[in-house]
Amino acid sequence: MTSRPLFKTLADADAVDIWFNDQPLRVPGGRSVAAALLAAGVSRFRATPVSGAPRAPYCMMGACFECLVEIDGVPSRQSCMVTVRDGMRIHSQEGARDLPPTVQSVENVHGR
């Protein structure tokens, strides 16, 4: 039986500079934000809305929503589905985000 690794680490020749929670990071380019942050040692991407428990990527394919972060001011982005680019500003998502009111809820408030 072989003990060779199943995965090969990509060269850092295409590294990009990003900010995570206002801290500069140099991460491997050409991969998802989630993979780049994990490679940089980030282990907490968000907190749950109810208990504040830490969360990090789980499925890495967009099914579980455990990797939600704010990217360049846009909340609730699945970091495993977005390719990292130079200059990105990424923040942990803390708790639930505000949702814009729906047309029905606005109509109910105004009695229409």
C-alpha atoms as a PDB file:
ATOM      1  CA  MET A   1       0.000   0.000   0.000  1.00  0.00           C
ATOM      2  CA  THR A   2       1.309   3.451  -0.907  1.00  0.00           C
ATOM      3  CA  SER A   3       1.623   6.324   1.515  1.00  0.00           C
ATOM      4  CA  ARG A   4       1.825   9.033  -1.149  1.00  0.00           C
ATOM      5  CA  PRO A   5      -0.523  11.958  -0.552  1.00  0.00           C
ATOM      6  CA  LEU A   6      -3.715  11.903  -2.574  1.00  0.00           C
ATOM      7  CA  PHE A   7      -3.674  15.682  -3.052  1.00  0.00           C
ATOM      8  CA  LYS A   8      -0.973  17.962  -4.355  1.00  0.00           C
ATOM      9  CA  THR A   9      -0.470  21.437  -2.888  1.00  0.00           C
ATOM     10  CA  LEU A  10      -0.559  24.088  -5.588  1.00  0.00           C
ATOM     11  CA  ALA A  11       2.466  26.353  -5.897  1.00  0.00           C
ATOM     12  CA  ASP A  12       2.227  29.779  -4.272  1.00  0.00           C
ATOM     13  CA  ALA A  13       3.434  31.483  -7.457  1.00  0.00           C
ATOM     14  CA  ASP A  14      -0.082  32.793  -8.011  1.00  0.00           C
ATOM     15  CA  ALA A  15      -0.567  34.035  -4.434  1.00  0.00           C
ATOM     16  CA  VAL A  16      -2.915  36.971  -3.868  1.00  0.00           C
ATOM     17  CA  ASP A  17      -3.256  39.502  -1.074  1.00  0.00           C
ATOM     18  CA  ILE A  18      -6.611  39.672   0.725  1.00  0.00           C
ATOM     19  CA  TRP A  19      -7.965  40.995   4.009  1.00  0.00           C
ATOM     20  CA  PHE A  20      -9.807  38.757   6.479  1.00  0.00           C
ATOM     21  CA  ASN A  21     -11.402  40.501   9.450  1.00  0.00           C
ATOM     22  CA  ASP A  22      -9.175  43.523   8.728  1.00  0.00           C
ATOM     23  CA  GLN A  23      -5.987  41.435   8.841  1.00  0.00           C
ATOM     24  CA  PRO A  24      -3.843  41.126   5.690  1.00  0.00           C
ATOM     25  CA  LEU A  25      -3.271  37.608   4.377  1.00  0.00           C
ATOM     26  CA  ARG A  26      -1.282  36.278   1.441  1.00  0.00           C
ATOM     27  CA  VAL A  27      -3.173  33.242   0.185  1.00  0.00           C
ATOM     28  CA  PRO A  28      -2.932  30.853  -2.752  1.00  0.00           C
ATOM     29  CA  GLY A  29      -4.825  32.146  -5.780  1.00  0.00           C
ATOM     30  CA  GLY A  30      -6.842  30.150  -8.274  1.00  0.00           C
ATOM     31  CA  ARG A  31      -9.092  28.487  -5.715  1.00  0.00           C
ATOM     32  CA  SER A  32     -12.179  29.227  -3.675  1.00  0.00           C
ATOM     33  CA  VAL A  33     -12.190  31.775  -0.883  1.00  0.00           C
ATOM     34  CA  ALA A  34     -12.908  28.916   1.544  1.00  0.00           C
ATOM     35  CA  ALA A  35      -9.917  26.857   0.361  1.00  0.00           C
ATOM     36  CA  ALA A  36      -7.630  29.900   0.423  1.00  0.00           C
ATOM     37  CA  LEU A  37      -8.681  30.857   3.959  1.00  0.00           C
ATOM     38  CA  LEU A  38      -8.298  27.282   5.199  1.00  0.00           C
ATOM     39  CA  ALA A  39      -4.816  27.138   3.628  1.00  0.00           C
ATOM     40  CA  ALA A  40      -3.968  30.341   5.538  1.00  0.00           C
ATOM     41  CA  GLY A  41      -5.007  28.717   8.832  1.00  0.00           C
ATOM     42  CA  VAL A  42      -8.432  30.328   9.300  1.00  0.00           C
ATOM     43  CA  SER A  43     -10.668  27.935  11.241  1.00  0.00           C
ATOM     44  CA  ARG A  44     -13.710  30.104  12.068  1.00  0.00           C
ATOM     45  CA  PHE A  45     -15.703  31.618   9.221  1.00  0.00           C
ATOM     46  CA  ARG A  46     -18.971  32.549  10.926  1.00  0.00           C
ATOM     47  CA  ALA A  47     -21.061  32.252  14.077  1.00  0.00           C
ATOM     48  CA  THR A  48     -24.514  30.705  14.293  1.00  0.00           C
ATOM     49  CA  PRO A  49     -27.385  33.148  14.835  1.00  0.00           C
ATOM     50  CA  VAL A  50     -28.790  31.338  17.892  1.00  0.00           C
ATOM     51  CA  SER A  51     -25.858  30.175  20.024  1.00  0.00           C
ATOM     52  CA  GLY A  52     -22.906  31.975  18.447  1.00  0.00           C
ATOM     53  CA  ALA A  53     -21.153  28.636  17.876  1.00  0.00           C
ATOM     54  CA  PRO A  54     -18.230  28.825  15.447  1.00  0.00           C
ATOM     55  CA  ARG A  55     -18.647  27.387  11.957  1.00  0.00           C
ATOM     56  CA  ALA A  56     -16.295  26.634   9.066  1.00  0.00           C
ATOM     57  CA  PRO A  57     -16.597  24.992   5.646  1.00  0.00           C
ATOM     58  CA  TYR A  58     -17.982  21.481   5.676  1.00  0.00           C
ATOM     59  CA  CYS A  59     -18.980  20.253   2.226  1.00  0.00           C
ATOM     60  CA  MET A  60     -16.902  22.632   0.039  1.00  0.00           C
ATOM     61  CA  MET A  61     -19.484  22.342  -2.754  1.00  0.00           C
ATOM     62  CA  GLY A  62     -22.234  24.799  -1.850  1.00  0.00           C
ATOM     63  CA  ALA A  63     -24.724  22.448  -0.198  1.00  0.00           C
ATOM     64  CA  CYS A  64     -24.322  23.115   3.525  1.00  0.00           C
ATOM     65  CA  PHE A  65     -23.985  26.935   3.932  1.00  0.00           C
ATOM     66  CA  GLU A  66     -21.501  26.543   6.813  1.00  0.00           C
ATOM     67  CA  CYS A  67     -18.929  28.737   5.028  1.00  0.00           C
ATOM     68  CA  LEU A  68     -20.972  31.951   4.817  1.00  0.00           C
ATOM     69  CA  VAL A  69     -18.919  35.139   4.982  1.00  0.00           C
ATOM     70  CA  GLU A  70     -19.212  38.761   3.924  1.00  0.00           C
ATOM     71  CA  ILE A  71     -17.194  39.421   0.766  1.00  0.00           C
ATOM     72  CA  ASP A  72     -16.558  43.004  -0.339  1.00  0.00           C
ATOM     73  CA  GLY A  73     -19.544  44.225   1.688  1.00  0.00           C
ATOM     74  CA  VAL A  74     -21.983  41.557   0.470  1.00  0.00           C
ATOM     75  CA  PRO A  75     -23.190  39.286   3.315  1.00  0.00           C
ATOM     76  CA  SER A  76     -24.124  35.600   3.166  1.00  0.00           C
ATOM     77  CA  ARG A  77     -21.723  34.636   0.382  1.00  0.00           C
ATOM     78  CA  GLN A  78     -20.824  30.963   0.185  1.00  0.00           C
ATOM     79  CA  SER A  79     -17.042  31.183   0.351  1.00  0.00           C
ATOM     80  CA  CYS A  80     -16.637  27.758  -1.235  1.00  0.00           C
ATOM     81  CA  MET A  81     -18.394  28.994  -4.390  1.00  0.00           C
ATOM     82  CA  VAL A  82     -16.431  32.242  -4.927  1.00  0.00           C
ATOM     83  CA  THR A  83     -12.948  32.355  -6.456  1.00  0.00           C
ATOM     84  CA  VAL A  84     -10.462  34.355  -4.405  1.00  0.00           C
ATOM     85  CA  ARG A  85      -9.083  37.502  -6.049  1.00  0.00           C
ATOM     86  CA  ASP A  86      -6.434  40.002  -5.130  1.00  0.00           C
ATOM     87  CA  GLY A  87      -7.684  42.761  -2.834  1.00  0.00           C
ATOM     88  CA  MET A  88     -10.820  41.014  -1.545  1.00  0.00           C
ATOM     89  CA  ARG A  89     -12.083  42.177   1.831  1.00  0.00           C
ATOM     90  CA  ILE A  90     -13.666  39.295   3.691  1.00  0.00           C
ATOM     91  CA  HIS A  91     -15.306  39.361   7.123  1.00  0.00           C
ATOM     92  CA  SER A  92     -16.700  36.641   9.341  1.00  0.00           C
ATOM     93  CA  GLN A  93     -20.469  36.566   9.330  1.00  0.00           C
ATOM     94  CA  GLU A  94     -21.676  37.071  12.872  1.00  0.00           C
ATOM     95  CA  GLY A  95     -25.194  35.834  13.599  1.00  0.00           C
ATOM     96  CA  ALA A  96     -28.194  36.445  11.400  1.00  0.00           C
ATOM     97  CA  ARG A  97     -28.131  39.180   8.806  1.00  0.00           C
ATOM     98  CA  ASP A  98     -30.909  41.676   8.265  1.00  0.00           C
ATOM     99  CA  LEU A  99     -33.230  40.730   5.447  1.00  0.00           C
ATOM    100  CA  PRO A 100     -34.826  43.367   3.254  1.00  0.00           C
ATOM    101  CA  PRO A 101     -38.592  43.635   3.754  1.00  0.00           C
ATOM    102  CA  THR A 102     -40.743  41.762   1.278  1.00  0.00           C
ATOM    103  CA  VAL A 103     -43.518  43.456  -0.652  1.00  0.00           C
ATOM    104  CA  GLN A 104     -46.132  41.524   1.361  1.00  0.00           C
ATOM    105  CA  SER A 105     -44.696  42.552   4.735  1.00  0.00           C
ATOM    106  CA  VAL A 106     -44.603  46.212   3.668  1.00  0.00           C
ATOM    107  CA  GLU A 107     -48.215  45.984   2.460  1.00  0.00           C
ATOM    108  CA  ASN A 108     -49.271  44.403   5.793  1.00  0.00           C
ATOM    109  CA  VAL A 109     -47.654  47.233   7.768  1.00  0.00           C
ATOM    110  CA  HIS A 110     -49.402  49.881   5.671  1.00  0.00           C
ATOM    111  CA  GLY A 111     -52.748  48.060   5.804  1.00  0.00           C
ATOM    112  CA  ARG A 112     -53.085  47.450   2.096  1.00  0.00           C
END
